[in-house]
């Protein structure tokens, strides 16, 4: 597991959607 802040997750969603869809 990893720890990420909300805004960091938003950046991942914007910049790397393929990876974002693999995590929860």
PDBML (XML) file of the C-alpha atoms, coordinates in Angstrom:
<?xml version="1.0" encoding="UTF-8" ?>
<PDBx:datablock datablockName="MODEL"
   xmlns:PDBx="http://pdbml.pdb.org/schema/pdbx-v50.xsd"
   xmlns:xsi="http://www.w3.org/2001/XMLSchema-instance"
   xsi:schemaLocation="http://pdbml.pdb.org/schema/pdbx-v50.xsd pdbx-v50.xsd">
   <PDBx:atom_siteCategory>
      <PDBx:atom_site id="1">
         <PDBx:B_iso_or_equiv>0.00</PDBx:B_iso_or_equiv>
         <PDBx:Cartn_x>0.000</PDBx:Cartn_x>
         <PDBx:Cartn_y>0.000</PDBx:Cartn_y>
         <PDBx:Cartn_z>0.000</PDBx:Cartn_z>
         <PDBx:auth_asym_id>A</PDBx:auth_asym_id>
         <PDBx:auth_atom_id>CA</PDBx:auth_atom_id>
         <PDBx:auth_comp_id>UNK</PDBx:auth_comp_id>
         <PDBx:auth_seq_id>1</PDBx:auth_seq_id>
         <PDBx:group_PDB>ATOM</PDBx:group_PDB>
         <PDBx:label_alt_id xsi:nil="true" />
         <PDBx:label_asym_id>A</PDBx:label_asym_id>
         <PDBx:label_atom_id>CA</PDBx:label_atom_id>
         <PDBx:label_comp_id>UNK</PDBx:label_comp_id>
         <PDBx:label_entity_id>1</PDBx:label_entity_id>
         <PDBx:label_seq_id>1</PDBx:label_seq_id>
         <PDBx:occupancy>1.00</PDBx:occupancy>
         <PDBx:pdbx_PDB_model_num>1</PDBx:pdbx_PDB_model_num>
         <PDBx:type_symbol>C</PDBx:type_symbol>
      </PDBx:atom_site>
      <PDBx:atom_site id="2">
         <PDBx:B_iso_or_equiv>0.00</PDBx:B_iso_or_equiv>
         <PDBx:Cartn_x>1.012</PDBx:Cartn_x>
         <PDBx:Cartn_y>3.652</PDBx:Cartn_y>
         <PDBx:Cartn_z>-0.307</PDBx:Cartn_z>
         <PDBx:auth_asym_id>A</PDBx:auth_asym_id>
         <PDBx:auth_atom_id>CA</PDBx:auth_atom_id>
         <PDBx:auth_comp_id>UNK</PDBx:auth_comp_id>
         <PDBx:auth_seq_id>2</PDBx:auth_seq_id>
         <PDBx:group_PDB>ATOM</PDBx:group_PDB>
         <PDBx:label_alt_id xsi:nil="true" />
         <PDBx:label_asym_id>A</PDBx:label_asym_id>
         <PDBx:label_atom_id>CA</PDBx:label_atom_id>
         <PDBx:label_comp_id>UNK</PDBx:label_comp_id>
         <PDBx:label_entity_id>1</PDBx:label_entity_id>
         <PDBx:label_seq_id>2</PDBx:label_seq_id>
         <PDBx:occupancy>1.00</PDBx:occupancy>
         <PDBx:pdbx_PDB_model_num>1</PDBx:pdbx_PDB_model_num>
         <PDBx:type_symbol>C</PDBx:type_symbol>
      </PDBx:atom_site>
      <PDBx:atom_site id="3">
         <PDBx:B_iso_or_equiv>0.00</PDBx:B_iso_or_equiv>
         <PDBx:Cartn_x>-0.108</PDBx:Cartn_x>
         <PDBx:Cartn_y>6.859</PDBx:Cartn_y>
         <PDBx:Cartn_z>1.399</PDBx:Cartn_z>
         <PDBx:auth_asym_id>A</PDBx:auth_asym_id>
         <PDBx:auth_atom_id>CA</PDBx:auth_atom_id>
         <PDBx:auth_comp_id>UNK</PDBx:auth_comp_id>
         <PDBx:auth_seq_id>3</PDBx:auth_seq_id>
         <PDBx:group_PDB>ATOM</PDBx:group_PDB>
         <PDBx:label_alt_id xsi:nil="true" />
         <PDBx:label_asym_id>A</PDBx:label_asym_id>
         <PDBx:label_atom_id>CA</PDBx:label_atom_id>
         <PDBx:label_comp_id>UNK</PDBx:label_comp_id>
         <PDBx:label_entity_id>1</PDBx:label_entity_id>
         <PDBx:label_seq_id>3</PDBx:label_seq_id>
         <PDBx:occupancy>1.00</PDBx:occupancy>
         <PDBx:pdbx_PDB_model_num>1</PDBx:pdbx_PDB_model_num>
         <PDBx:type_symbol>C</PDBx:type_symbol>
      </PDBx:atom_site>
      <PDBx:atom_site id="4">
         <PDBx:B_iso_or_equiv>0.00</PDBx:B_iso_or_equiv>
         <PDBx:Cartn_x>-1.172</PDBx:Cartn_x>
         <PDBx:Cartn_y>9.801</PDBx:Cartn_y>
         <PDBx:Cartn_z>-0.787</PDBx:Cartn_z>
         <PDBx:auth_asym_id>A</PDBx:auth_asym_id>
         <PDBx:auth_atom_id>CA</PDBx:auth_atom_id>
         <PDBx:auth_comp_id>UNK</PDBx:auth_comp_id>
         <PDBx:auth_seq_id>4</PDBx:auth_seq_id>
         <PDBx:group_PDB>ATOM</PDBx:group_PDB>
         <PDBx:label_alt_id xsi:nil="true" />
         <PDBx:label_asym_id>A</PDBx:label_asym_id>
         <PDBx:label_atom_id>CA</PDBx:label_atom_id>
         <PDBx:label_comp_id>UNK</PDBx:label_comp_id>
         <PDBx:label_entity_id>1</PDBx:label_entity_id>
         <PDBx:label_seq_id>4</PDBx:label_seq_id>
         <PDBx:occupancy>1.00</PDBx:occupancy>
         <PDBx:pdbx_PDB_model_num>1</PDBx:pdbx_PDB_model_num>
         <PDBx:type_symbol>C</PDBx:type_symbol>
      </PDBx:atom_site>
      <PDBx:atom_site id="5">
         <PDBx:B_iso_or_equiv>0.00</PDBx:B_iso_or_equiv>
         <PDBx:Cartn_x>-2.908</PDBx:Cartn_x>
         <PDBx:Cartn_y>13.102</PDBx:Cartn_y>
         <PDBx:Cartn_z>-0.069</PDBx:Cartn_z>
         <PDBx:auth_asym_id>A</PDBx:auth_asym_id>
         <PDBx:auth_atom_id>CA</PDBx:auth_atom_id>
         <PDBx:auth_comp_id>UNK</PDBx:auth_comp_id>
         <PDBx:auth_seq_id>5</PDBx:auth_seq_id>
         <PDBx:group_PDB>ATOM</PDBx:group_PDB>
         <PDBx:label_alt_id xsi:nil="true" />
         <PDBx:label_asym_id>A</PDBx:label_asym_id>
         <PDBx:label_atom_id>CA</PDBx:label_atom_id>
         <PDBx:label_comp_id>UNK</PDBx:label_comp_id>
         <PDBx:label_entity_id>1</PDBx:label_entity_id>
         <PDBx:label_seq_id>5</PDBx:label_seq_id>
         <PDBx:occupancy>1.00</PDBx:occupancy>
         <PDBx:pdbx_PDB_model_num>1</PDBx:pdbx_PDB_model_num>
         <PDBx:type_symbol>C</PDBx:type_symbol>
      </PDBx:atom_site>
      <PDBx:atom_site id="6">
         <PDBx:B_iso_or_equiv>0.00</PDBx:B_iso_or_equiv>
         <PDBx:Cartn_x>-6.143</PDBx:Cartn_x>
         <PDBx:Cartn_y>13.967</PDBx:Cartn_y>
         <PDBx:Cartn_z>-1.946</PDBx:Cartn_z>
         <PDBx:auth_asym_id>A</PDBx:auth_asym_id>
         <PDBx:auth_atom_id>CA</PDBx:auth_atom_id>
         <PDBx:auth_comp_id>UNK</PDBx:auth_comp_id>
         <PDBx:auth_seq_id>6</PDBx:auth_seq_id>
         <PDBx:group_PDB>ATOM</PDBx:group_PDB>
         <PDBx:label_alt_id xsi:nil="true" />
         <PDBx:label_asym_id>A</PDBx:label_asym_id>
         <PDBx:label_atom_id>CA</PDBx:label_atom_id>
         <PDBx:label_comp_id>UNK</PDBx:label_comp_id>
         <PDBx:label_entity_id>1</PDBx:label_entity_id>
         <PDBx:label_seq_id>6</PDBx:label_seq_id>
         <PDBx:occupancy>1.00</PDBx:occupancy>
         <PDBx:pdbx_PDB_model_num>1</PDBx:pdbx_PDB_model_num>
         <PDBx:type_symbol>C</PDBx:type_symbol>
      </PDBx:atom_site>
      <PDBx:atom_site id="7">
         <PDBx:B_iso_or_equiv>0.00</PDBx:B_iso_or_equiv>
         <PDBx:Cartn_x>-4.425</PDBx:Cartn_x>
         <PDBx:Cartn_y>16.530</PDBx:Cartn_y>
         <PDBx:Cartn_z>-4.180</PDBx:Cartn_z>
         <PDBx:auth_asym_id>A</PDBx:auth_asym_id>
         <PDBx:auth_atom_id>CA</PDBx:auth_atom_id>
         <PDBx:auth_comp_id>UNK</PDBx:auth_comp_id>
         <PDBx:auth_seq_id>7</PDBx:auth_seq_id>
         <PDBx:group_PDB>ATOM</PDBx:group_PDB>
         <PDBx:label_alt_id xsi:nil="true" />
         <PDBx:label_asym_id>A</PDBx:label_asym_id>
         <PDBx:label_atom_id>CA</PDBx:label_atom_id>
         <PDBx:label_comp_id>UNK</PDBx:label_comp_id>
         <PDBx:label_entity_id>1</PDBx:label_entity_id>
         <PDBx:label_seq_id>7</PDBx:label_seq_id>
         <PDBx:occupancy>1.00</PDBx:occupancy>
         <PDBx:pdbx_PDB_model_num>1</PDBx:pdbx_PDB_model_num>
         <PDBx:type_symbol>C</PDBx:type_symbol>
      </PDBx:atom_site>
      <PDBx:atom_site id="8">
         <PDBx:B_iso_or_equiv>0.00</PDBx:B_iso_or_equiv>
         <PDBx:Cartn_x>-1.676</PDBx:Cartn_x>
         <PDBx:Cartn_y>14.048</PDBx:Cartn_y>
         <PDBx:Cartn_z>-5.103</PDBx:Cartn_z>
         <PDBx:auth_asym_id>A</PDBx:auth_asym_id>
         <PDBx:auth_atom_id>CA</PDBx:auth_atom_id>
         <PDBx:auth_comp_id>UNK</PDBx:auth_comp_id>
         <PDBx:auth_seq_id>8</PDBx:auth_seq_id>
         <PDBx:group_PDB>ATOM</PDBx:group_PDB>
         <PDBx:label_alt_id xsi:nil="true" />
         <PDBx:label_asym_id>A</PDBx:label_asym_id>
         <PDBx:label_atom_id>CA</PDBx:label_atom_id>
         <PDBx:label_comp_id>UNK</PDBx:label_comp_id>
         <PDBx:label_entity_id>1</PDBx:label_entity_id>
         <PDBx:label_seq_id>8</PDBx:label_seq_id>
         <PDBx:occupancy>1.00</PDBx:occupancy>
         <PDBx:pdbx_PDB_model_num>1</PDBx:pdbx_PDB_model_num>
         <PDBx:type_symbol>C</PDBx:type_symbol>
      </PDBx:atom_site>
      <PDBx:atom_site id="9">
         <PDBx:B_iso_or_equiv>0.00</PDBx:B_iso_or_equiv>
         <PDBx:Cartn_x>-4.338</PDBx:Cartn_x>
         <PDBx:Cartn_y>11.564</PDBx:Cartn_y>
         <PDBx:Cartn_z>-6.156</PDBx:Cartn_z>
         <PDBx:auth_asym_id>A</PDBx:auth_asym_id>
         <PDBx:auth_atom_id>CA</PDBx:auth_atom_id>
         <PDBx:auth_comp_id>UNK</PDBx:auth_comp_id>
         <PDBx:auth_seq_id>9</PDBx:auth_seq_id>
         <PDBx:group_PDB>ATOM</PDBx:group_PDB>
         <PDBx:label_alt_id xsi:nil="true" />
         <PDBx:label_asym_id>A</PDBx:label_asym_id>
         <PDBx:label_atom_id>CA</PDBx:label_atom_id>
         <PDBx:label_comp_id>UNK</PDBx:label_comp_id>
         <PDBx:label_entity_id>1</PDBx:label_entity_id>
         <PDBx:label_seq_id>9</PDBx:label_seq_id>
         <PDBx:occupancy>1.00</PDBx:occupancy>
         <PDBx:pdbx_PDB_model_num>1</PDBx:pdbx_PDB_model_num>
         <PDBx:type_symbol>C</PDBx:type_symbol>
      </PDBx:atom_site>
      <PDBx:atom_site id="10">
         <PDBx:B_iso_or_equiv>0.00</PDBx:B_iso_or_equiv>
         <PDBx:Cartn_x>-5.963</PDBx:Cartn_x>
         <PDBx:Cartn_y>14.275</PDBx:Cartn_y>
         <PDBx:Cartn_z>-8.281</PDBx:Cartn_z>
         <PDBx:auth_asym_id>A</PDBx:auth_asym_id>
         <PDBx:auth_atom_id>CA</PDBx:auth_atom_id>
         <PDBx:auth_comp_id>UNK</PDBx:auth_comp_id>
         <PDBx:auth_seq_id>10</PDBx:auth_seq_id>
         <PDBx:group_PDB>ATOM</PDBx:group_PDB>
         <PDBx:label_alt_id xsi:nil="true" />
         <PDBx:label_asym_id>A</PDBx:label_asym_id>
         <PDBx:label_atom_id>CA</PDBx:label_atom_id>
         <PDBx:label_comp_id>UNK</PDBx:label_comp_id>
         <PDBx:label_entity_id>1</PDBx:label_entity_id>
         <PDBx:label_seq_id>10</PDBx:label_seq_id>
         <PDBx:occupancy>1.00</PDBx:occupancy>
         <PDBx:pdbx_PDB_model_num>1</PDBx:pdbx_PDB_model_num>
         <PDBx:type_symbol>C</PDBx:type_symbol>
      </PDBx:atom_site>
      <PDBx:atom_site id="11">
         <PDBx:B_iso_or_equiv>0.00</PDBx:B_iso_or_equiv>
         <PDBx:Cartn_x>-2.659</PDBx:Cartn_x>
         <PDBx:Cartn_y>14.821</PDBx:Cartn_y>
         <PDBx:Cartn_z>-10.073</PDBx:Cartn_z>
         <PDBx:auth_asym_id>A</PDBx:auth_asym_id>
         <PDBx:auth_atom_id>CA</PDBx:auth_atom_id>
         <PDBx:auth_comp_id>UNK</PDBx:auth_comp_id>
         <PDBx:auth_seq_id>11</PDBx:auth_seq_id>
         <PDBx:group_PDB>ATOM</PDBx:group_PDB>
         <PDBx:label_alt_id xsi:nil="true" />
         <PDBx:label_asym_id>A</PDBx:label_asym_id>
         <PDBx:label_atom_id>CA</PDBx:label_atom_id>
         <PDBx:label_comp_id>UNK</PDBx:label_comp_id>
         <PDBx:label_entity_id>1</PDBx:label_entity_id>
         <PDBx:label_seq_id>11</PDBx:label_seq_id>
         <PDBx:occupancy>1.00</PDBx:occupancy>
         <PDBx:pdbx_PDB_model_num>1</PDBx:pdbx_PDB_model_num>
         <PDBx:type_symbol>C</PDBx:type_symbol>
      </PDBx:atom_site>
      <PDBx:atom_site id="12">
         <PDBx:B_iso_or_equiv>0.00</PDBx:B_iso_or_equiv>
         <PDBx:Cartn_x>-2.344</PDBx:Cartn_x>
         <PDBx:Cartn_y>11.083</PDBx:Cartn_y>
         <PDBx:Cartn_z>-10.789</PDBx:Cartn_z>
         <PDBx:auth_asym_id>A</PDBx:auth_asym_id>
         <PDBx:auth_atom_id>CA</PDBx:auth_atom_id>
         <PDBx:auth_comp_id>UNK</PDBx:auth_comp_id>
         <PDBx:auth_seq_id>12</PDBx:auth_seq_id>
         <PDBx:group_PDB>ATOM</PDBx:group_PDB>
         <PDBx:label_alt_id xsi:nil="true" />
         <PDBx:label_asym_id>A</PDBx:label_asym_id>
         <PDBx:label_atom_id>CA</PDBx:label_atom_id>
         <PDBx:label_comp_id>UNK</PDBx:label_comp_id>
         <PDBx:label_entity_id>1</PDBx:label_entity_id>
         <PDBx:label_seq_id>12</PDBx:label_seq_id>
         <PDBx:occupancy>1.00</PDBx:occupancy>
         <PDBx:pdbx_PDB_model_num>1</PDBx:pdbx_PDB_model_num>
         <PDBx:type_symbol>C</PDBx:type_symbol>
      </PDBx:atom_site>
      <PDBx:atom_site id="13">
         <PDBx:B_iso_or_equiv>0.00</PDBx:B_iso_or_equiv>
         <PDBx:Cartn_x>-5.909</PDBx:Cartn_x>
         <PDBx:Cartn_y>11.025</PDBx:Cartn_y>
         <PDBx:Cartn_z>-12.124</PDBx:Cartn_z>
         <PDBx:auth_asym_id>A</PDBx:auth_asym_id>
         <PDBx:auth_atom_id>CA</PDBx:auth_atom_id>
         <PDBx:auth_comp_id>UNK</PDBx:auth_comp_id>
         <PDBx:auth_seq_id>13</PDBx:auth_seq_id>
         <PDBx:group_PDB>ATOM</PDBx:group_PDB>
         <PDBx:label_alt_id xsi:nil="true" />
         <PDBx:label_asym_id>A</PDBx:label_asym_id>
         <PDBx:label_atom_id>CA</PDBx:label_atom_id>
         <PDBx:label_comp_id>UNK</PDBx:label_comp_id>
         <PDBx:label_entity_id>1</PDBx:label_entity_id>
         <PDBx:label_seq_id>13</PDBx:label_seq_id>
         <PDBx:occupancy>1.00</PDBx:occupancy>
         <PDBx:pdbx_PDB_model_num>1</PDBx:pdbx_PDB_model_num>
         <PDBx:type_symbol>C</PDBx:type_symbol>
      </PDBx:atom_site>
      <PDBx:atom_site id="14">
         <PDBx:B_iso_or_equiv>0.00</PDBx:B_iso_or_equiv>
         <PDBx:Cartn_x>-5.106</PDBx:Cartn_x>
         <PDBx:Cartn_y>13.945</PDBx:Cartn_y>
         <PDBx:Cartn_z>-14.447</PDBx:Cartn_z>
         <PDBx:auth_asym_id>A</PDBx:auth_asym_id>
         <PDBx:auth_atom_id>CA</PDBx:auth_atom_id>
         <PDBx:auth_comp_id>UNK</PDBx:auth_comp_id>
         <PDBx:auth_seq_id>14</PDBx:auth_seq_id>
         <PDBx:group_PDB>ATOM</PDBx:group_PDB>
         <PDBx:label_alt_id xsi:nil="true" />
         <PDBx:label_asym_id>A</PDBx:label_asym_id>
         <PDBx:label_atom_id>CA</PDBx:label_atom_id>
         <PDBx:label_comp_id>UNK</PDBx:label_comp_id>
         <PDBx:label_entity_id>1</PDBx:label_entity_id>
         <PDBx:label_seq_id>14</PDBx:label_seq_id>
         <PDBx:occupancy>1.00</PDBx:occupancy>
         <PDBx:pdbx_PDB_model_num>1</PDBx:pdbx_PDB_model_num>
         <PDBx:type_symbol>C</PDBx:type_symbol>
      </PDBx:atom_site>
      <PDBx:atom_site id="15">
         <PDBx:B_iso_or_equiv>0.00</PDBx:B_iso_or_equiv>
         <PDBx:Cartn_x>-1.659</PDBx:Cartn_x>
         <PDBx:Cartn_y>12.828</PDBx:Cartn_y>
         <PDBx:Cartn_z>-15.597</PDBx:Cartn_z>
         <PDBx:auth_asym_id>A</PDBx:auth_asym_id>
         <PDBx:auth_atom_id>CA</PDBx:auth_atom_id>
         <PDBx:auth_comp_id>UNK</PDBx:auth_comp_id>
         <PDBx:auth_seq_id>15</PDBx:auth_seq_id>
         <PDBx:group_PDB>ATOM</PDBx:group_PDB>
         <PDBx:label_alt_id xsi:nil="true" />
         <PDBx:label_asym_id>A</PDBx:label_asym_id>
         <PDBx:label_atom_id>CA</PDBx:label_atom_id>
         <PDBx:label_comp_id>UNK</PDBx:label_comp_id>
         <PDBx:label_entity_id>1</PDBx:label_entity_id>
         <PDBx:label_seq_id>15</PDBx:label_seq_id>
         <PDBx:occupancy>1.00</PDBx:occupancy>
         <PDBx:pdbx_PDB_model_num>1</PDBx:pdbx_PDB_model_num>
         <PDBx:type_symbol>C</PDBx:type_symbol>
      </PDBx:atom_site>
      <PDBx:atom_site id="16">
         <PDBx:B_iso_or_equiv>0.00</PDBx:B_iso_or_equiv>
         <PDBx:Cartn_x>-1.856</PDBx:Cartn_x>
         <PDBx:Cartn_y>9.004</PDBx:Cartn_y>
         <PDBx:Cartn_z>-15.521</PDBx:Cartn_z>
         <PDBx:auth_asym_id>A</PDBx:auth_asym_id>
         <PDBx:auth_atom_id>CA</PDBx:auth_atom_id>
         <PDBx:auth_comp_id>UNK</PDBx:auth_comp_id>
         <PDBx:auth_seq_id>16</PDBx:auth_seq_id>
         <PDBx:group_PDB>ATOM</PDBx:group_PDB>
         <PDBx:label_alt_id xsi:nil="true" />
         <PDBx:label_asym_id>A</PDBx:label_asym_id>
         <PDBx:label_atom_id>CA</PDBx:label_atom_id>
         <PDBx:label_comp_id>UNK</PDBx:label_comp_id>
         <PDBx:label_entity_id>1</PDBx:label_entity_id>
         <PDBx:label_seq_id>16</PDBx:label_seq_id>
         <PDBx:occupancy>1.00</PDBx:occupancy>
         <PDBx:pdbx_PDB_model_num>1</PDBx:pdbx_PDB_model_num>
         <PDBx:type_symbol>C</PDBx:type_symbol>
      </PDBx:atom_site>
      <PDBx:atom_site id="17">
         <PDBx:B_iso_or_equiv>0.00</PDBx:B_iso_or_equiv>
         <PDBx:Cartn_x>-5.437</PDBx:Cartn_x>
         <PDBx:Cartn_y>7.758</PDBx:Cartn_y>
         <PDBx:Cartn_z>-15.836</PDBx:Cartn_z>
         <PDBx:auth_asym_id>A</PDBx:auth_asym_id>
         <PDBx:auth_atom_id>CA</PDBx:auth_atom_id>
         <PDBx:auth_comp_id>UNK</PDBx:auth_comp_id>
         <PDBx:auth_seq_id>17</PDBx:auth_seq_id>
         <PDBx:group_PDB>ATOM</PDBx:group_PDB>
         <PDBx:label_alt_id xsi:nil="true" />
         <PDBx:label_asym_id>A</PDBx:label_asym_id>
         <PDBx:label_atom_id>CA</PDBx:label_atom_id>
         <PDBx:label_comp_id>UNK</PDBx:label_comp_id>
         <PDBx:label_entity_id>1</PDBx:label_entity_id>
         <PDBx:label_seq_id>17</PDBx:label_seq_id>
         <PDBx:occupancy>1.00</PDBx:occupancy>
         <PDBx:pdbx_PDB_model_num>1</PDBx:pdbx_PDB_model_num>
         <PDBx:type_symbol>C</PDBx:type_symbol>
      </PDBx:atom_site>
      <PDBx:atom_site id="18">
         <PDBx:B_iso_or_equiv>0.00</PDBx:B_iso_or_equiv>
         <PDBx:Cartn_x>-4.377</PDBx:Cartn_x>
         <PDBx:Cartn_y>4.215</PDBx:Cartn_y>
         <PDBx:Cartn_z>-16.710</PDBx:Cartn_z>
         <PDBx:auth_asym_id>A</PDBx:auth_asym_id>
         <PDBx:auth_atom_id>CA</PDBx:auth_atom_id>
         <PDBx:auth_comp_id>UNK</PDBx:auth_comp_id>
         <PDBx:auth_seq_id>18</PDBx:auth_seq_id>
         <PDBx:group_PDB>ATOM</PDBx:group_PDB>
         <PDBx:label_alt_id xsi:nil="true" />
         <PDBx:label_asym_id>A</PDBx:label_asym_id>
         <PDBx:label_atom_id>CA</PDBx:label_atom_id>
         <PDBx:label_comp_id>UNK</PDBx:label_comp_id>
         <PDBx:label_entity_id>1</PDBx:label_entity_id>
         <PDBx:label_seq_id>18</PDBx:label_seq_id>
         <PDBx:occupancy>1.00</PDBx:occupancy>
         <PDBx:pdbx_PDB_model_num>1</PDBx:pdbx_PDB_model_num>
         <PDBx:type_symbol>C</PDBx:type_symbol>
      </PDBx:atom_site>
      <PDBx:atom_site id="19">
         <PDBx:B_iso_or_equiv>0.00</PDBx:B_iso_or_equiv>
         <PDBx:Cartn_x>-2.581</PDBx:Cartn_x>
         <PDBx:Cartn_y>3.831</PDBx:Cartn_y>
         <PDBx:Cartn_z>-13.384</PDBx:Cartn_z>
         <PDBx:auth_asym_id>A</PDBx:auth_asym_id>
         <PDBx:auth_atom_id>CA</PDBx:auth_atom_id>
         <PDBx:auth_comp_id>UNK</PDBx:auth_comp_id>
         <PDBx:auth_seq_id>19</PDBx:auth_seq_id>
         <PDBx:group_PDB>ATOM</PDBx:group_PDB>
         <PDBx:label_alt_id xsi:nil="true" />
         <PDBx:label_asym_id>A</PDBx:label_asym_id>
         <PDBx:label_atom_id>CA</PDBx:label_atom_id>
         <PDBx:label_comp_id>UNK</PDBx:label_comp_id>
         <PDBx:label_entity_id>1</PDBx:label_entity_id>
         <PDBx:label_seq_id>19</PDBx:label_seq_id>
         <PDBx:occupancy>1.00</PDBx:occupancy>
         <PDBx:pdbx_PDB_model_num>1</PDBx:pdbx_PDB_model_num>
         <PDBx:type_symbol>C</PDBx:type_symbol>
      </PDBx:atom_site>
      <PDBx:atom_site id="20">
         <PDBx:B_iso_or_equiv>0.00</PDBx:B_iso_or_equiv>
         <PDBx:Cartn_x>-5.295</PDBx:Cartn_x>
         <PDBx:Cartn_y>5.688</PDBx:Cartn_y>
         <PDBx:Cartn_z>-11.493</PDBx:Cartn_z>
         <PDBx:auth_asym_id>A</PDBx:auth_asym_id>
         <PDBx:auth_atom_id>CA</PDBx:auth_atom_id>
         <PDBx:auth_comp_id>UNK</PDBx:auth_comp_id>
         <PDBx:auth_seq_id>20</PDBx:auth_seq_id>
         <PDBx:group_PDB>ATOM</PDBx:group_PDB>
         <PDBx:label_alt_id xsi:nil="true" />
         <PDBx:label_asym_id>A</PDBx:label_asym_id>
         <PDBx:label_atom_id>CA</PDBx:label_atom_id>
         <PDBx:label_comp_id>UNK</PDBx:label_comp_id>
         <PDBx:label_entity_id>1</PDBx:label_entity_id>
         <PDBx:label_seq_id>20</PDBx:label_seq_id>
         <PDBx:occupancy>1.00</PDBx:occupancy>
         <PDBx:pdbx_PDB_model_num>1</PDBx:pdbx_PDB_model_num>
         <PDBx:type_symbol>C</PDBx:type_symbol>
      </PDBx:atom_site>
      <PDBx:atom_site id="21">
         <PDBx:B_iso_or_equiv>0.00</PDBx:B_iso_or_equiv>
         <PDBx:Cartn_x>-7.886</PDBx:Cartn_x>
         <PDBx:Cartn_y>3.138</PDBx:Cartn_y>
         <PDBx:Cartn_z>-12.604</PDBx:Cartn_z>
         <PDBx:auth_asym_id>A</PDBx:auth_asym_id>
         <PDBx:auth_atom_id>CA</PDBx:auth_atom_id>
         <PDBx:auth_comp_id>UNK</PDBx:auth_comp_id>
         <PDBx:auth_seq_id>21</PDBx:auth_seq_id>
         <PDBx:group_PDB>ATOM</PDBx:group_PDB>
         <PDBx:label_alt_id xsi:nil="true" />
         <PDBx:label_asym_id>A</PDBx:label_asym_id>
         <PDBx:label_atom_id>CA</PDBx:label_atom_id>
         <PDBx:label_comp_id>UNK</PDBx:label_comp_id>
         <PDBx:label_entity_id>1</PDBx:label_entity_id>
         <PDBx:label_seq_id>21</PDBx:label_seq_id>
         <PDBx:occupancy>1.00</PDBx:occupancy>
         <PDBx:pdbx_PDB_model_num>1</PDBx:pdbx_PDB_model_num>
         <PDBx:type_symbol>C</PDBx:type_symbol>
      </PDBx:atom_site>
      <PDBx:atom_site id="22">
         <PDBx:B_iso_or_equiv>0.00</PDBx:B_iso_or_equiv>
         <PDBx:Cartn_x>-5.791</PDBx:Cartn_x>
         <PDBx:Cartn_y>0.314</PDBx:Cartn_y>
         <PDBx:Cartn_z>-11.103</PDBx:Cartn_z>
         <PDBx:auth_asym_id>A</PDBx:auth_asym_id>
         <PDBx:auth_atom_id>CA</PDBx:auth_atom_id>
         <PDBx:auth_comp_id>UNK</PDBx:auth_comp_id>
         <PDBx:auth_seq_id>22</PDBx:auth_seq_id>
         <PDBx:group_PDB>ATOM</PDBx:group_PDB>
         <PDBx:label_alt_id xsi:nil="true" />
         <PDBx:label_asym_id>A</PDBx:label_asym_id>
         <PDBx:label_atom_id>CA</PDBx:label_atom_id>
         <PDBx:label_comp_id>UNK</PDBx:label_comp_id>
         <PDBx:label_entity_id>1</PDBx:label_entity_id>
         <PDBx:label_seq_id>22</PDBx:label_seq_id>
         <PDBx:occupancy>1.00</PDBx:occupancy>
         <PDBx:pdbx_PDB_model_num>1</PDBx:pdbx_PDB_model_num>
         <PDBx:type_symbol>C</PDBx:type_symbol>
      </PDBx:atom_site>
      <PDBx:atom_site id="23">
         <PDBx:B_iso_or_equiv>0.00</PDBx:B_iso_or_equiv>
         <PDBx:Cartn_x>-5.778</PDBx:Cartn_x>
         <PDBx:Cartn_y>1.703</PDBx:Cartn_y>
         <PDBx:Cartn_z>-7.565</PDBx:Cartn_z>
         <PDBx:auth_asym_id>A</PDBx:auth_asym_id>
         <PDBx:auth_atom_id>CA</PDBx:auth_atom_id>
         <PDBx:auth_comp_id>UNK</PDBx:auth_comp_id>
         <PDBx:auth_seq_id>23</PDBx:auth_seq_id>
         <PDBx:group_PDB>ATOM</PDBx:group_PDB>
         <PDBx:label_alt_id xsi:nil="true" />
         <PDBx:label_asym_id>A</PDBx:label_asym_id>
         <PDBx:label_atom_id>CA</PDBx:label_atom_id>
         <PDBx:label_comp_id>UNK</PDBx:label_comp_id>
         <PDBx:label_entity_id>1</PDBx:label_entity_id>
         <PDBx:label_seq_id>23</PDBx:label_seq_id>
         <PDBx:occupancy>1.00</PDBx:occupancy>
         <PDBx:pdbx_PDB_model_num>1</PDBx:pdbx_PDB_model_num>
         <PDBx:type_symbol>C</PDBx:type_symbol>
      </PDBx:atom_site>
      <PDBx:atom_site id="24">
         <PDBx:B_iso_or_equiv>0.00</PDBx:B_iso_or_equiv>
         <PDBx:Cartn_x>-8.365</PDBx:Cartn_x>
         <PDBx:Cartn_y>2.264</PDBx:Cartn_y>
         <PDBx:Cartn_z>-4.844</PDBx:Cartn_z>
         <PDBx:auth_asym_id>A</PDBx:auth_asym_id>
         <PDBx:auth_atom_id>CA</PDBx:auth_atom_id>
         <PDBx:auth_comp_id>UNK</PDBx:auth_comp_id>
         <PDBx:auth_seq_id>24</PDBx:auth_seq_id>
         <PDBx:group_PDB>ATOM</PDBx:group_PDB>
         <PDBx:label_alt_id xsi:nil="true" />
         <PDBx:label_asym_id>A</PDBx:label_asym_id>
         <PDBx:label_atom_id>CA</PDBx:label_atom_id>
         <PDBx:label_comp_id>UNK</PDBx:label_comp_id>
         <PDBx:label_entity_id>1</PDBx:label_entity_id>
         <PDBx:label_seq_id>24</PDBx:label_seq_id>
         <PDBx:occupancy>1.00</PDBx:occupancy>
         <PDBx:pdbx_PDB_model_num>1</PDBx:pdbx_PDB_model_num>
         <PDBx:type_symbol>C</PDBx:type_symbol>
      </PDBx:atom_site>
   </PDBx:atom_siteCategory>
</PDBx:datablock>
